[in-house]
Amino acid sequence: MKHRKETSLNKYMNRKNFKAIASFEDATGLKCVDLIQTENNFFTFKTFRKDPEDPNGWFQYGYEGQLYSTKEEALEAAKKVIEWFS
């Protein structure tokens, strides 16, 4: 589910017209999944990581979801593809 080309999701993300509505960290506190709502009331998810030796915070990596109609659909999609998030 990695997206490298310009998609409708990337257009939303590049314009910053979204908000994180929930964030879930793994047991180590080094990985997280954010549930995101777009300005048009679609939902998606993105994964982030942080490195203990790097003080710059969280970096996007790995999976990002498509656009979903509900936050529940986005959450279930994330659980299907992210090993630690099930």
C-alpha atoms as a PDB file:
ATOM      1  CA  MET A   1       0.000   0.000   0.000  1.00  0.00           C
ATOM      2  CA  LYS A   2       2.931   2.335  -0.430  1.00  0.00           C
ATOM      3  CA  HIS A   3       2.116   5.196  -2.772  1.00  0.00           C
ATOM      4  CA  ARG A   4       4.911   6.894  -4.648  1.00  0.00           C
ATOM      5  CA  LYS A   5       3.028   8.558  -7.495  1.00  0.00           C
ATOM      6  CA  GLU A   6       0.651  11.484  -7.128  1.00  0.00           C
ATOM      7  CA  THR A   7      -2.675  10.105  -5.930  1.00  0.00           C
ATOM      8  CA  SER A   8      -5.761  11.737  -4.528  1.00  0.00           C
ATOM      9  CA  LEU A   9      -4.408  10.900  -1.064  1.00  0.00           C
ATOM     10  CA  ASN A  10      -1.088  12.610  -1.765  1.00  0.00           C
ATOM     11  CA  LYS A  11      -2.915  15.691  -3.019  1.00  0.00           C
ATOM     12  CA  TYR A  12      -4.698  15.928   0.338  1.00  0.00           C
ATOM     13  CA  MET A  13      -1.490  15.342   2.270  1.00  0.00           C
ATOM     14  CA  ASN A  14       0.600  17.787   0.257  1.00  0.00           C
ATOM     15  CA  ARG A  15      -1.960  20.541   0.812  1.00  0.00           C
ATOM     16  CA  LYS A  16      -2.019  19.860   4.567  1.00  0.00           C
ATOM     17  CA  ASN A  17      -5.817  19.748   4.533  1.00  0.00           C
ATOM     18  CA  PHE A  18      -6.015  17.017   7.118  1.00  0.00           C
ATOM     19  CA  LYS A  19      -5.873  16.408  10.822  1.00  0.00           C
ATOM     20  CA  ALA A  20      -4.702  13.461  12.869  1.00  0.00           C
ATOM     21  CA  ILE A  21      -7.695  12.259  14.853  1.00  0.00           C
ATOM     22  CA  ALA A  22      -5.919   9.434  16.686  1.00  0.00           C
ATOM     23  CA  SER A  23      -2.381   8.189  17.162  1.00  0.00           C
ATOM     24  CA  PHE A  24      -1.354   4.718  18.342  1.00  0.00           C
ATOM     25  CA  GLU A  25       2.198   3.874  19.457  1.00  0.00           C
ATOM     26  CA  ASP A  26       3.744   0.415  19.590  1.00  0.00           C
ATOM     27  CA  ALA A  27       5.077  -1.032  22.857  1.00  0.00           C
ATOM     28  CA  THR A  28       8.548   0.452  22.247  1.00  0.00           C
ATOM     29  CA  GLY A  29       7.253   3.969  21.616  1.00  0.00           C
ATOM     30  CA  LEU A  30       9.338   4.100  18.432  1.00  0.00           C
ATOM     31  CA  LYS A  31       6.584   3.448  15.872  1.00  0.00           C
ATOM     32  CA  CYS A  32       3.094   4.839  15.536  1.00  0.00           C
ATOM     33  CA  VAL A  33       0.032   4.826  13.312  1.00  0.00           C
ATOM     34  CA  ASP A  34      -1.944   8.014  12.822  1.00  0.00           C
ATOM     35  CA  LEU A  35      -5.568   7.987  11.719  1.00  0.00           C
ATOM     36  CA  ILE A  36      -6.125  11.039   9.551  1.00  0.00           C
ATOM     37  CA  GLN A  37      -9.266  12.893   8.488  1.00  0.00           C
ATOM     38  CA  THR A  38      -9.248  15.021   5.332  1.00  0.00           C
ATOM     39  CA  GLU A  39     -11.154  18.256   4.906  1.00  0.00           C
ATOM     40  CA  ASN A  40     -13.707  16.362   2.787  1.00  0.00           C
ATOM     41  CA  ASN A  41     -14.335  13.897   5.620  1.00  0.00           C
ATOM     42  CA  PHE A  42     -12.430  10.977   4.178  1.00  0.00           C
ATOM     43  CA  PHE A  43     -10.068   8.962   6.369  1.00  0.00           C
ATOM     44  CA  THR A  44      -6.709   7.284   5.965  1.00  0.00           C
ATOM     45  CA  PHE A  45      -3.707   6.196   7.996  1.00  0.00           C
ATOM     46  CA  LYS A  46       0.050   6.711   7.916  1.00  0.00           C
ATOM     47  CA  THR A  47       2.895   5.057   9.792  1.00  0.00           C
ATOM     48  CA  PHE A  48       5.692   6.953  11.502  1.00  0.00           C
ATOM     49  CA  ARG A  49       8.880   6.088  13.358  1.00  0.00           C
ATOM     50  CA  LYS A  50      11.326   7.899  15.576  1.00  0.00           C
ATOM     51  CA  ASP A  51      14.918   7.103  16.367  1.00  0.00           C
ATOM     52  CA  PRO A  52      16.057   7.534  19.973  1.00  0.00           C
ATOM     53  CA  GLU A  53      19.336   9.101  18.874  1.00  0.00           C
ATOM     54  CA  ASP A  54      17.622  11.648  16.605  1.00  0.00           C
ATOM     55  CA  PRO A  55      15.995  14.600  18.428  1.00  0.00           C
ATOM     56  CA  ASN A  56      14.002  15.648  15.339  1.00  0.00           C
ATOM     57  CA  GLY A  57      10.932  13.591  16.238  1.00  0.00           C
ATOM     58  CA  TRP A  58       8.713  11.448  14.030  1.00  0.00           C
ATOM     59  CA  PHE A  59       9.368  10.509  10.387  1.00  0.00           C
ATOM     60  CA  GLN A  60       6.891   8.975   7.977  1.00  0.00           C
ATOM     61  CA  TYR A  61       7.828   5.505   6.774  1.00  0.00           C
ATOM     62  CA  GLY A  62       6.216   2.330   5.530  1.00  0.00           C
ATOM     63  CA  TYR A  63       2.522   2.075   4.947  1.00  0.00           C
ATOM     64  CA  GLU A  64      -0.062   4.676   4.167  1.00  0.00           C
ATOM     65  CA  GLY A  65      -3.656   3.891   3.422  1.00  0.00           C
ATOM     66  CA  GLN A  66      -5.997   4.804   0.649  1.00  0.00           C
ATOM     67  CA  LEU A  67      -8.945   7.097   1.236  1.00  0.00           C
ATOM     68  CA  TYR A  68     -11.736   5.457   3.221  1.00  0.00           C
ATOM     69  CA  SER A  69     -15.304   6.579   3.887  1.00  0.00           C
ATOM     70  CA  THR A  70     -15.118   5.995   7.640  1.00  0.00           C
ATOM     71  CA  LYS A  71     -12.465   6.067  10.335  1.00  0.00           C
ATOM     72  CA  GLU A  72     -13.410   2.477  11.198  1.00  0.00           C
ATOM     73  CA  GLU A  73     -12.558   1.354   7.644  1.00  0.00           C
ATOM     74  CA  ALA A  74      -9.195   3.136   7.843  1.00  0.00           C
ATOM     75  CA  LEU A  75      -8.466   1.571  11.222  1.00  0.00           C
ATOM     76  CA  GLU A  76      -9.314  -1.946  10.005  1.00  0.00           C
ATOM     77  CA  ALA A  77      -7.176  -1.479   6.882  1.00  0.00           C
ATOM     78  CA  ALA A  78      -4.220  -0.413   9.040  1.00  0.00           C
ATOM     79  CA  LYS A  79      -4.633  -3.456  11.272  1.00  0.00           C
ATOM     80  CA  LYS A  80      -4.496  -5.737   8.231  1.00  0.00           C
ATOM     81  CA  VAL A  81      -1.144  -4.491   6.959  1.00  0.00           C
ATOM     82  CA  ILE A  82       0.828  -3.362  10.023  1.00  0.00           C
ATOM     83  CA  GLU A  83       2.169  -6.357  11.950  1.00  0.00           C
ATOM     84  CA  TRP A  84       2.371  -4.809  15.410  1.00  0.00           C
ATOM     85  CA  PHE A  85      -0.979  -3.031  15.060  1.00  0.00           C
ATOM     86  CA  SER A  86      -3.462  -5.876  15.191  1.00  0.00           C
END
